[in-house]
Amino acid sequence: MTNRTAFVTGASRGIGAAIATELYKRGYRVVGTARTTKPELDGVSFVECDVRDPESVSQAVDQARDILGEIDIVINCAGVMNDGPLLTQSHDAVQDVLDTNLSGSINVARETVPDMLANKWGRLVFVSSIVALWGSPGQVNYAASKSGLIGLARSLSWELGRAGITSNVVLPGLIETDMISDLSTKRRDEIVSQTALRRVGQPEEVAALVAFLVSDEAGFVTGSSIPIGGGVGMGV
């Protein structure tokens, strides 16, 4: 058990919900964000937040502090996809993915890191994707945004390390969430065939990795990009 606090963006469903739930089960006090409606998740308080909007992020973090006090741990999980060949994508379609997945994480880190600096302890985890390393046709915007998280996390690890703050990235492969619901059976089978374990992962498996990275035991792990995809993309 712990008295640490956690702020989890994109906690309303999928991997974000699994992470928020797992941290609560391990004794953390957790606030999650959702863009509009506030879902019900056992033990997790919610605040509305559009991570694309710095003012919305600032307000959400202030509300989280009202609930939690200081914020010790931040999991950046809010993300969107808008797939299609680049030449068919509008500027807005590309920019929305970049604003949500990459700029949104920067906005959240900027607002929450001061608490960690004050306490000389903190954990930042960015949920990326194996696509960041692998690349994928029709996902130029998504891959670019997720690749950017690696540079972001590694740069923050240098900026914040002396204050006892770690910054890491997890890179899920094919995980059973709503985000892959539109994936064709053919494409799903192709990806699974390139996965050493020959199966799709579960959100709870990603949550278990994140729970380790935010623990005291992971205090010497920073600047790391850790794939969790059953072996997909090994060696990339």
C-alpha atoms as a PDB file:
ATOM      1  CA  MET A   1       0.000   0.000   0.000  1.00  0.00           C
ATOM      2  CA  THR A   2       1.071   3.585  -0.586  1.00  0.00           C
ATOM      3  CA  ASN A   3      -0.057   7.127   0.068  1.00  0.00           C
ATOM      4  CA  ARG A   4       1.126   8.322  -3.354  1.00  0.00           C
ATOM      5  CA  THR A   5      -1.211  10.137  -5.729  1.00  0.00           C
ATOM      6  CA  ALA A   6      -1.663   9.606  -9.470  1.00  0.00           C
ATOM      7  CA  PHE A   7      -3.104  11.666 -12.315  1.00  0.00           C
ATOM      8  CA  VAL A   8      -4.062   9.523 -15.327  1.00  0.00           C
ATOM      9  CA  THR A   9      -5.141  11.139 -18.590  1.00  0.00           C
ATOM     10  CA  GLY A  10      -7.447   9.243 -20.904  1.00  0.00           C
ATOM     11  CA  ALA A  11      -8.643   7.088 -18.017  1.00  0.00           C
ATOM     12  CA  SER A  12     -12.217   6.627 -19.197  1.00  0.00           C
ATOM     13  CA  ARG A  13     -11.588   3.447 -21.187  1.00  0.00           C
ATOM     14  CA  GLY A  14      -9.063   0.992 -22.559  1.00  0.00           C
ATOM     15  CA  ILE A  15      -5.486   1.100 -21.351  1.00  0.00           C
ATOM     16  CA  GLY A  16      -6.029   4.305 -19.371  1.00  0.00           C
ATOM     17  CA  ALA A  17      -8.914   2.800 -17.420  1.00  0.00           C
ATOM     18  CA  ALA A  18      -6.896  -0.343 -16.729  1.00  0.00           C
ATOM     19  CA  ILE A  19      -3.972   1.725 -15.424  1.00  0.00           C
ATOM     20  CA  ALA A  20      -6.174   3.878 -13.191  1.00  0.00           C
ATOM     21  CA  THR A  21      -7.893   0.776 -11.803  1.00  0.00           C
ATOM     22  CA  GLU A  22      -4.614  -1.048 -11.173  1.00  0.00           C
ATOM     23  CA  LEU A  23      -3.088   1.895  -9.342  1.00  0.00           C
ATOM     24  CA  TYR A  24      -6.186   2.234  -7.175  1.00  0.00           C
ATOM     25  CA  LYS A  25      -6.006  -1.469  -6.319  1.00  0.00           C
ATOM     26  CA  ARG A  26      -2.398  -0.960  -5.232  1.00  0.00           C
ATOM     27  CA  GLY A  27      -3.366   1.796  -2.837  1.00  0.00           C
ATOM     28  CA  TYR A  28      -2.742   4.935  -4.867  1.00  0.00           C
ATOM     29  CA  ARG A  29      -5.230   7.780  -4.779  1.00  0.00           C
ATOM     30  CA  VAL A  30      -6.161   8.343  -8.397  1.00  0.00           C
ATOM     31  CA  VAL A  31      -7.751  11.080 -10.475  1.00  0.00           C
ATOM     32  CA  GLY A  32      -8.448  10.340 -14.119  1.00  0.00           C
ATOM     33  CA  THR A  33      -9.396  12.611 -16.973  1.00  0.00           C
ATOM     34  CA  ALA A  34     -12.086  12.323 -19.626  1.00  0.00           C
ATOM     35  CA  ARG A  35     -12.739  14.763 -22.437  1.00  0.00           C
ATOM     36  CA  THR A  36     -16.478  15.104 -21.816  1.00  0.00           C
ATOM     37  CA  THR A  37     -18.552  12.782 -19.634  1.00  0.00           C
ATOM     38  CA  LYS A  38     -17.223  11.536 -16.329  1.00  0.00           C
ATOM     39  CA  PRO A  39     -17.369   7.725 -16.274  1.00  0.00           C
ATOM     40  CA  GLU A  40     -17.705   5.566 -13.194  1.00  0.00           C
ATOM     41  CA  LEU A  41     -14.618   3.583 -12.267  1.00  0.00           C
ATOM     42  CA  ASP A  42     -14.208   2.009  -8.844  1.00  0.00           C
ATOM     43  CA  GLY A  43     -12.046   4.174  -6.595  1.00  0.00           C
ATOM     44  CA  VAL A  44     -11.154   6.688  -9.316  1.00  0.00           C
ATOM     45  CA  SER A  45     -12.276  10.326  -9.286  1.00  0.00           C
ATOM     46  CA  PHE A  46     -12.670  12.062 -12.644  1.00  0.00           C
ATOM     47  CA  VAL A  47     -12.208  15.583 -13.955  1.00  0.00           C
ATOM     48  CA  GLU A  48     -13.028  16.851 -17.419  1.00  0.00           C
ATOM     49  CA  CYS A  49     -10.003  17.704 -19.514  1.00  0.00           C
ATOM     50  CA  ASP A  50      -9.198  18.321 -23.158  1.00  0.00           C
ATOM     51  CA  VAL A  51      -5.440  17.802 -23.193  1.00  0.00           C
ATOM     52  CA  ARG A  52      -5.164  19.769 -26.455  1.00  0.00           C
ATOM     53  CA  ASP A  53      -6.130  22.944 -24.596  1.00  0.00           C
ATOM     54  CA  PRO A  54      -3.553  24.281 -22.094  1.00  0.00           C
ATOM     55  CA  GLU A  55      -6.243  26.153 -20.158  1.00  0.00           C
ATOM     56  CA  SER A  56      -8.368  23.010 -19.842  1.00  0.00           C
ATOM     57  CA  VAL A  57      -5.312  21.110 -18.598  1.00  0.00           C
ATOM     58  CA  SER A  58      -4.522  23.813 -16.044  1.00  0.00           C
ATOM     59  CA  GLN A  59      -8.084  23.727 -14.702  1.00  0.00           C
ATOM     60  CA  ALA A  60      -8.138  19.929 -14.568  1.00  0.00           C
ATOM     61  CA  VAL A  61      -4.852  19.782 -12.668  1.00  0.00           C
ATOM     62  CA  ASP A  62      -6.106  22.360 -10.175  1.00  0.00           C
ATOM     63  CA  GLN A  63      -9.252  20.248  -9.651  1.00  0.00           C
ATOM     64  CA  ALA A  64      -7.110  17.147  -9.209  1.00  0.00           C
ATOM     65  CA  ARG A  65      -5.048  18.932  -6.569  1.00  0.00           C
ATOM     66  CA  ASP A  66      -8.256  19.808  -4.725  1.00  0.00           C
ATOM     67  CA  ILE A  67      -8.985  16.071  -4.544  1.00  0.00           C
ATOM     68  CA  LEU A  68      -5.498  14.637  -4.083  1.00  0.00           C
ATOM     69  CA  GLY A  69      -3.333  17.386  -2.714  1.00  0.00           C
ATOM     70  CA  GLU A  70       0.009  17.279  -4.531  1.00  0.00           C
ATOM     71  CA  ILE A  71       0.431  15.075  -7.592  1.00  0.00           C
ATOM     72  CA  ASP A  72       3.216  12.487  -7.373  1.00  0.00           C
ATOM     73  CA  ILE A  73       2.643  10.414 -10.507  1.00  0.00           C
ATOM     74  CA  VAL A  74       1.417  11.287 -13.992  1.00  0.00           C
ATOM     75  CA  ILE A  75       0.413   8.762 -16.640  1.00  0.00           C
ATOM     76  CA  ASN A  76      -0.113  10.340 -20.058  1.00  0.00           C
ATOM     77  CA  CYS A  77      -2.505   7.975 -21.797  1.00  0.00           C
ATOM     78  CA  ALA A  78      -4.944  10.257 -23.624  1.00  0.00           C
ATOM     79  CA  GLY A  79      -4.759   9.492 -27.312  1.00  0.00           C
ATOM     80  CA  VAL A  80      -6.670   9.371 -30.574  1.00  0.00           C
ATOM     81  CA  MET A  81      -6.294   7.815 -34.013  1.00  0.00           C
ATOM     82  CA  ASN A  82      -7.408   9.137 -37.387  1.00  0.00           C
ATOM     83  CA  ASP A  83      -5.950   6.755 -39.938  1.00  0.00           C
ATOM     84  CA  GLY A  84      -5.559   7.082 -43.668  1.00  0.00           C
ATOM     85  CA  PRO A  85      -2.854   7.625 -46.292  1.00  0.00           C
ATOM     86  CA  LEU A  86      -1.151  10.982 -45.754  1.00  0.00           C
ATOM     87  CA  LEU A  87      -2.169  12.301 -49.161  1.00  0.00           C
ATOM     88  CA  THR A  88      -5.837  11.839 -48.275  1.00  0.00           C
ATOM     89  CA  GLN A  89      -5.552  13.423 -44.823  1.00  0.00           C
ATOM     90  CA  SER A  90      -6.608  17.012 -44.215  1.00  0.00           C
ATOM     91  CA  HIS A  91      -4.437  19.362 -42.183  1.00  0.00           C
ATOM     92  CA  ASP A  92      -6.975  19.219 -39.338  1.00  0.00           C
ATOM     93  CA  ALA A  93      -7.006  15.408 -39.320  1.00  0.00           C
ATOM     94  CA  VAL A  94      -3.243  15.319 -38.926  1.00  0.00           C
ATOM     95  CA  GLN A  95      -3.050  18.179 -36.446  1.00  0.00           C
ATOM     96  CA  ASP A  96      -5.723  16.816 -34.115  1.00  0.00           C
ATOM     97  CA  VAL A  97      -3.751  13.600 -33.603  1.00  0.00           C
ATOM     98  CA  LEU A  98      -0.516  15.506 -32.998  1.00  0.00           C
ATOM     99  CA  ASP A  99      -2.221  17.962 -30.648  1.00  0.00           C
ATOM    100  CA  THR A 100      -3.838  15.217 -28.589  1.00  0.00           C
ATOM    101  CA  ASN A 101      -1.128  12.586 -28.435  1.00  0.00           C
ATOM    102  CA  LEU A 102       2.016  14.735 -28.319  1.00  0.00           C
ATOM    103  CA  SER A 103       1.197  18.346 -27.454  1.00  0.00           C
ATOM    104  CA  GLY A 104      -1.354  17.117 -24.922  1.00  0.00           C
ATOM    105  CA  SER A 105       1.338  15.190 -23.063  1.00  0.00           C
ATOM    106  CA  ILE A 106       3.567  18.266 -23.036  1.00  0.00           C
ATOM    107  CA  ASN A 107       0.706  20.358 -21.662  1.00  0.00           C
ATOM    108  CA  VAL A 108       0.077  17.871 -18.848  1.00  0.00           C
ATOM    109  CA  ALA A 109       3.744  17.522 -17.923  1.00  0.00           C
ATOM    110  CA  ARG A 110       4.201  21.287 -17.769  1.00  0.00           C
ATOM    111  CA  GLU A 111       1.336  21.664 -15.293  1.00  0.00           C
ATOM    112  CA  THR A 112       2.130  18.710 -13.021  1.00  0.00           C
ATOM    113  CA  VAL A 113       5.919  18.597 -12.780  1.00  0.00           C
ATOM    114  CA  PRO A 114       6.136  21.519 -10.284  1.00  0.00           C
ATOM    115  CA  ASP A 115       4.601  19.295  -7.570  1.00  0.00           C
ATOM    116  CA  MET A 116       7.257  16.648  -8.193  1.00  0.00           C
ATOM    117  CA  LEU A 117      10.067  19.201  -8.134  1.00  0.00           C
ATOM    118  CA  ALA A 118       8.837  20.530  -4.815  1.00  0.00           C
ATOM    119  CA  ASN A 119       8.858  17.025  -3.324  1.00  0.00           C
ATOM    120  CA  LYS A 120      12.075  15.823  -4.992  1.00  0.00           C
ATOM    121  CA  TRP A 121      10.206  12.725  -6.158  1.00  0.00           C
ATOM    122  CA  GLY A 122       7.993  11.928  -9.096  1.00  0.00           C
ATOM    123  CA  ARG A 123       7.069   9.559 -11.873  1.00  0.00           C
ATOM    124  CA  LEU A 124       6.137  10.370 -15.457  1.00  0.00           C
ATOM    125  CA  VAL A 125       4.973   7.613 -17.808  1.00  0.00           C
ATOM    126  CA  PHE A 126       3.997   8.223 -21.421  1.00  0.00           C
ATOM    127  CA  VAL A 127       1.892   5.614 -23.213  1.00  0.00           C
ATOM    128  CA  SER A 128       3.189   5.439 -26.767  1.00  0.00           C
ATOM    129  CA  SER A 129       2.851   2.560 -29.259  1.00  0.00           C
ATOM    130  CA  ILE A 130       5.076   0.033 -30.965  1.00  0.00           C
ATOM    131  CA  VAL A 131       4.072   1.907 -34.138  1.00  0.00           C
ATOM    132  CA  ALA A 132       6.425   4.664 -32.959  1.00  0.00           C
ATOM    133  CA  LEU A 133       9.340   2.350 -33.753  1.00  0.00           C
ATOM    134  CA  TRP A 134       7.763   0.130 -36.366  1.00  0.00           C
ATOM    135  CA  GLY A 135       5.917   2.598 -38.572  1.00  0.00           C
ATOM    136  CA  SER A 136       2.611   1.663 -40.171  1.00  0.00           C
ATOM    137  CA  PRO A 137       0.935   2.471 -43.505  1.00  0.00           C
ATOM    138  CA  GLY A 138      -1.945   4.870 -43.051  1.00  0.00           C
ATOM    139  CA  GLN A 139      -0.707   6.023 -39.644  1.00  0.00           C
ATOM    140  CA  VAL A 140       1.758   8.790 -40.427  1.00  0.00           C
ATOM    141  CA  ASN A 141       0.095  11.195 -37.982  1.00  0.00           C
ATOM    142  CA  TYR A 142      -0.283   8.578 -35.244  1.00  0.00           C
ATOM    143  CA  ALA A 143       3.262   7.213 -35.598  1.00  0.00           C
ATOM    144  CA  ALA A 144       4.747  10.701 -35.621  1.00  0.00           C
ATOM    145  CA  SER A 145       2.866  11.674 -32.476  1.00  0.00           C
ATOM    146  CA  LYS A 146       3.835   8.505 -30.644  1.00  0.00           C
ATOM    147  CA  SER A 147       7.476   8.747 -31.733  1.00  0.00           C
ATOM    148  CA  GLY A 148       7.574  12.258 -30.327  1.00  0.00           C
ATOM    149  CA  LEU A 149       6.750  10.922 -26.878  1.00  0.00           C
ATOM    150  CA  ILE A 150      10.072   9.087 -26.808  1.00  0.00           C
ATOM    151  CA  GLY A 151      12.049  12.286 -27.347  1.00  0.00           C
ATOM    152  CA  LEU A 152       9.844  14.078 -24.851  1.00  0.00           C
ATOM    153  CA  ALA A 153      10.303  11.482 -22.119  1.00  0.00           C
ATOM    154  CA  ARG A 154      14.040  11.163 -22.622  1.00  0.00           C
ATOM    155  CA  SER A 155      14.571  14.922 -22.578  1.00  0.00           C
ATOM    156  CA  LEU A 156      12.537  15.220 -19.378  1.00  0.00           C
ATOM    157  CA  SER A 157      14.567  12.442 -17.806  1.00  0.00           C
ATOM    158  CA  TRP A 158      17.644  14.640 -18.237  1.00  0.00           C
ATOM    159  CA  GLU A 159      15.917  17.804 -17.069  1.00  0.00           C
ATOM    160  CA  LEU A 160      14.324  16.255 -13.987  1.00  0.00           C
ATOM    161  CA  GLY A 161      16.578  13.386 -12.955  1.00  0.00           C
ATOM    162  CA  ARG A 162      18.528  15.319 -10.333  1.00  0.00           C
ATOM    163  CA  ALA A 163      15.249  15.979  -8.553  1.00  0.00           C
ATOM    164  CA  GLY A 164      14.493  12.264  -8.207  1.00  0.00           C
ATOM    165  CA  ILE A 165      11.895  12.294 -11.001  1.00  0.00           C
ATOM    166  CA  THR A 166      11.848   9.492 -13.560  1.00  0.00           C
ATOM    167  CA  SER A 167      10.389   9.693 -17.056  1.00  0.00           C
ATOM    168  CA  ASN A 168       9.672   6.598 -19.128  1.00  0.00           C
ATOM    169  CA  VAL A 169       7.709   5.382 -22.135  1.00  0.00           C
ATOM    170  CA  VAL A 170       5.747   2.180 -22.637  1.00  0.00           C
ATOM    171  CA  LEU A 171       5.062   1.019 -26.187  1.00  0.00           C
ATOM    172  CA  PRO A 172       2.082  -1.329 -26.385  1.00  0.00           C
ATOM    173  CA  GLY A 173       1.604  -3.581 -29.367  1.00  0.00           C
ATOM    174  CA  LEU A 174      -1.835  -4.847 -30.359  1.00  0.00           C
ATOM    175  CA  ILE A 175      -3.954  -4.525 -27.210  1.00  0.00           C
ATOM    176  CA  GLU A 176      -7.627  -5.539 -26.919  1.00  0.00           C
ATOM    177  CA  THR A 177      -9.311  -2.130 -26.692  1.00  0.00           C
ATOM    178  CA  ASP A 178     -11.913  -0.082 -28.540  1.00  0.00           C
ATOM    179  CA  MET A 179      -9.134   1.505 -30.588  1.00  0.00           C
ATOM    180  CA  ILE A 180      -8.593  -1.707 -32.561  1.00  0.00           C
ATOM    181  CA  SER A 181     -12.300  -2.517 -32.964  1.00  0.00           C
ATOM    182  CA  ASP A 182     -12.275  -1.278 -36.580  1.00  0.00           C
ATOM    183  CA  LEU A 183      -9.196  -3.294 -37.498  1.00  0.00           C
ATOM    184  CA  SER A 184      -9.945  -5.818 -40.224  1.00  0.00           C
ATOM    185  CA  THR A 185      -9.619  -9.486 -39.388  1.00  0.00           C
ATOM    186  CA  LYS A 186      -6.927  -9.770 -42.067  1.00  0.00           C
ATOM    187  CA  ARG A 187      -4.820  -6.956 -40.582  1.00  0.00           C
ATOM    188  CA  ARG A 188      -5.332  -8.264 -37.046  1.00  0.00           C
ATOM    189  CA  ASP A 189      -4.153 -11.723 -38.111  1.00  0.00           C
ATOM    190  CA  GLU A 190      -1.138 -10.206 -39.870  1.00  0.00           C
ATOM    191  CA  ILE A 191      -0.038  -8.420 -36.719  1.00  0.00           C
ATOM    192  CA  VAL A 192      -0.626 -11.444 -34.504  1.00  0.00           C
ATOM    193  CA  SER A 193       1.426 -13.564 -36.926  1.00  0.00           C
ATOM    194  CA  GLN A 194       4.361 -11.182 -36.318  1.00  0.00           C
ATOM    195  CA  THR A 195       3.938 -11.444 -32.551  1.00  0.00           C
ATOM    196  CA  ALA A 196       6.124 -14.028 -30.832  1.00  0.00           C
ATOM    197  CA  LEU A 197       3.377 -14.943 -28.355  1.00  0.00           C
ATOM    198  CA  ARG A 198       0.802 -15.213 -31.183  1.00  0.00           C
ATOM    199  CA  ARG A 199      -1.934 -13.344 -29.345  1.00  0.00           C
ATOM    200  CA  VAL A 200      -3.376  -9.931 -28.632  1.00  0.00           C
ATOM    201  CA  GLY A 201      -2.433  -8.297 -25.337  1.00  0.00           C
ATOM    202  CA  GLN A 202      -4.773  -7.155 -22.575  1.00  0.00           C
ATOM    203  CA  PRO A 203      -4.953  -3.656 -21.060  1.00  0.00           C
ATOM    204  CA  GLU A 204      -4.274  -5.118 -17.629  1.00  0.00           C
ATOM    205  CA  GLU A 205      -0.891  -6.358 -18.827  1.00  0.00           C
ATOM    206  CA  VAL A 206       0.110  -2.835 -19.807  1.00  0.00           C
ATOM    207  CA  ALA A 207      -1.208  -1.569 -16.474  1.00  0.00           C
ATOM    208  CA  ALA A 208       1.023  -4.008 -14.580  1.00  0.00           C
ATOM    209  CA  LEU A 209       4.110  -2.664 -16.367  1.00  0.00           C
ATOM    210  CA  VAL A 210       3.115   0.920 -15.644  1.00  0.00           C
ATOM    211  CA  ALA A 211       2.504   0.058 -11.983  1.00  0.00           C
ATOM    212  CA  PHE A 212       6.087  -1.147 -11.737  1.00  0.00           C
ATOM    213  CA  LEU A 213       7.497   1.959 -13.418  1.00  0.00           C
ATOM    214  CA  VAL A 214       5.777   4.278 -10.922  1.00  0.00           C
ATOM    215  CA  SER A 215       6.873   2.262  -7.891  1.00  0.00           C
ATOM    216  CA  ASP A 216       9.768   3.006  -5.553  1.00  0.00           C
ATOM    217  CA  GLU A 217      11.444  -0.156  -6.836  1.00  0.00           C
ATOM    218  CA  ALA A 218      11.762   1.425 -10.304  1.00  0.00           C
ATOM    219  CA  GLY A 219      13.650   4.441  -9.020  1.00  0.00           C
ATOM    220  CA  PHE A 220      16.689   3.705 -11.208  1.00  0.00           C
ATOM    221  CA  VAL A 221      14.674   3.306 -14.417  1.00  0.00           C
ATOM    222  CA  THR A 222      14.432   6.490 -16.447  1.00  0.00           C
ATOM    223  CA  GLY A 223      14.661   7.506 -20.091  1.00  0.00           C
ATOM    224  CA  SER A 224      13.561   4.001 -21.038  1.00  0.00           C
ATOM    225  CA  SER A 225      11.250   3.011 -23.893  1.00  0.00           C
ATOM    226  CA  ILE A 226       9.776  -0.383 -23.063  1.00  0.00           C
ATOM    227  CA  PRO A 227       7.836  -2.379 -25.671  1.00  0.00           C
ATOM    228  CA  ILE A 228       4.954  -4.498 -24.380  1.00  0.00           C
ATOM    229  CA  GLY A 229       3.689  -6.279 -27.453  1.00  0.00           C
ATOM    230  CA  GLY A 230       4.298  -9.979 -27.025  1.00  0.00           C
ATOM    231  CA  GLY A 231       7.473  -9.722 -29.066  1.00  0.00           C
ATOM    232  CA  VAL A 232       6.108  -7.704 -32.003  1.00  0.00           C
ATOM    233  CA  GLY A 233       8.738  -5.471 -33.553  1.00  0.00           C
ATOM    234  CA  MET A 234      11.650  -7.043 -31.711  1.00  0.00           C
ATOM    235  CA  GLY A 235      14.962  -5.468 -32.603  1.00  0.00           C
ATOM    236  CA  VAL A 236      13.460  -2.311 -34.097  1.00  0.00           C
END
